Amino acid sequence: MGFGMSLLMTLIITYINTGMDNEYPRRFFKAWSIGLPIAIATSLLVGPIAKRFVDKITK
């Protein structure tokens, strides 16, 4: 979950903020190298909480 979301969001946000040129891939990979670990850690922390919440409201 963290991998896919961080990939798509970084692609789009980098494009919106800086546009598309020859340096886009470098900027994207730099931003993604920071965002991916944060996204994975966040999904591991928030995922179980979200699951418990959904289980509670759907019973």
C-alpha atoms as a PDB file:
ATOM      1  CA  MET A   1       0.000   0.000   0.000  1.00  0.00           C
ATOM      2  CA  GLY A   2       2.748   2.444   0.917  1.00  0.00           C
ATOM      3  CA  PHE A   3       4.741   1.583  -2.194  1.00  0.00           C
ATOM      4  CA  GLY A   4       1.942   2.188  -4.677  1.00  0.00           C
ATOM      5  CA  MET A   5       0.572   5.317  -3.079  1.00  0.00           C
ATOM      6  CA  SER A   6       3.965   6.933  -2.639  1.00  0.00           C
ATOM      7  CA  LEU A   7       4.917   6.117  -6.231  1.00  0.00           C
ATOM      8  CA  LEU A   8       1.786   7.625  -7.751  1.00  0.00           C
ATOM      9  CA  MET A   9       1.667  10.646  -5.461  1.00  0.00           C
ATOM     10  CA  THR A  10       5.356  11.460  -5.950  1.00  0.00           C
ATOM     11  CA  LEU A  11       5.030  11.187  -9.740  1.00  0.00           C
ATOM     12  CA  ILE A  12       2.075  13.578  -9.791  1.00  0.00           C
ATOM     13  CA  ILE A  13       3.240  16.047  -7.149  1.00  0.00           C
ATOM     14  CA  THR A  14       6.731  16.318  -8.654  1.00  0.00           C
ATOM     15  CA  TYR A  15       5.171  16.988 -12.070  1.00  0.00           C
ATOM     16  CA  ILE A  16       2.779  19.623 -10.676  1.00  0.00           C
ATOM     17  CA  ASN A  17       5.477  21.406  -8.681  1.00  0.00           C
ATOM     18  CA  THR A  18       8.343  21.339 -11.168  1.00  0.00           C
ATOM     19  CA  GLY A  19       6.983  20.371 -14.584  1.00  0.00           C
ATOM     20  CA  MET A  20       8.383  17.896 -17.075  1.00  0.00           C
ATOM     21  CA  ASP A  21      11.904  18.337 -18.395  1.00  0.00           C
ATOM     22  CA  ASN A  22      15.132  16.340 -18.663  1.00  0.00           C
ATOM     23  CA  GLU A  23      15.718  16.557 -14.904  1.00  0.00           C
ATOM     24  CA  TYR A  24      12.251  15.235 -13.957  1.00  0.00           C
ATOM     25  CA  PRO A  25      13.363  11.605 -13.381  1.00  0.00           C
ATOM     26  CA  ARG A  26      16.193  12.742 -11.076  1.00  0.00           C
ATOM     27  CA  ARG A  27      13.849  14.973  -9.062  1.00  0.00           C
ATOM     28  CA  PHE A  28      11.233  12.232  -8.907  1.00  0.00           C
ATOM     29  CA  PHE A  29      13.654   9.563  -7.622  1.00  0.00           C
ATOM     30  CA  LYS A  30      15.113  11.970  -5.078  1.00  0.00           C
ATOM     31  CA  ALA A  31      11.648  12.827  -3.741  1.00  0.00           C
ATOM     32  CA  TRP A  32      10.532   9.192  -3.824  1.00  0.00           C
ATOM     33  CA  SER A  33      13.623   8.019  -1.930  1.00  0.00           C
ATOM     34  CA  ILE A  34      12.477  10.248   0.919  1.00  0.00           C
ATOM     35  CA  GLY A  35       8.747   9.601   0.602  1.00  0.00           C
ATOM     36  CA  LEU A  36       8.790   5.811   0.261  1.00  0.00           C
ATOM     37  CA  PRO A  37      10.173   4.991   3.731  1.00  0.00           C
ATOM     38  CA  ILE A  38       7.796   7.509   5.287  1.00  0.00           C
ATOM     39  CA  ALA A  39       4.822   6.026   3.409  1.00  0.00           C
ATOM     40  CA  ILE A  40       5.707   2.453   4.375  1.00  0.00           C
ATOM     41  CA  ALA A  41       6.190   3.345   8.042  1.00  0.00           C
ATOM     42  CA  THR A  42       2.933   5.292   8.059  1.00  0.00           C
ATOM     43  CA  SER A  43       0.976   2.459   6.455  1.00  0.00           C
ATOM     44  CA  LEU A  44       2.390  -0.002   8.989  1.00  0.00           C
ATOM     45  CA  LEU A  45       1.373   2.268  11.868  1.00  0.00           C
ATOM     46  CA  VAL A  46      -1.996   3.476  10.564  1.00  0.00           C
ATOM     47  CA  GLY A  47      -3.115   0.241   8.857  1.00  0.00           C
ATOM     48  CA  PRO A  48      -3.956  -1.735  12.014  1.00  0.00           C
ATOM     49  CA  ILE A  49      -5.711   1.259  13.568  1.00  0.00           C
ATOM     50  CA  ALA A  50      -7.788   1.771  10.439  1.00  0.00           C
ATOM     51  CA  LYS A  51      -8.643  -1.942  10.330  1.00  0.00           C
ATOM     52  CA  ARG A  52      -9.856  -1.928  13.937  1.00  0.00           C
ATOM     53  CA  PHE A  53     -11.953   1.182  13.248  1.00  0.00           C
ATOM     54  CA  VAL A  54     -13.523  -0.336  10.133  1.00  0.00           C
ATOM     55  CA  ASP A  55     -14.196  -3.618  11.943  1.00  0.00           C
ATOM     56  CA  LYS A  56     -15.881  -1.711  14.764  1.00  0.00           C
ATOM     57  CA  ILE A  57     -18.177   0.359  12.533  1.00  0.00           C
ATOM     58  CA  THR A  58     -19.139  -2.515  10.213  1.00  0.00           C
ATOM     59  CA  LYS A  59     -20.266  -4.984  12.895  1.00  0.00           C
END
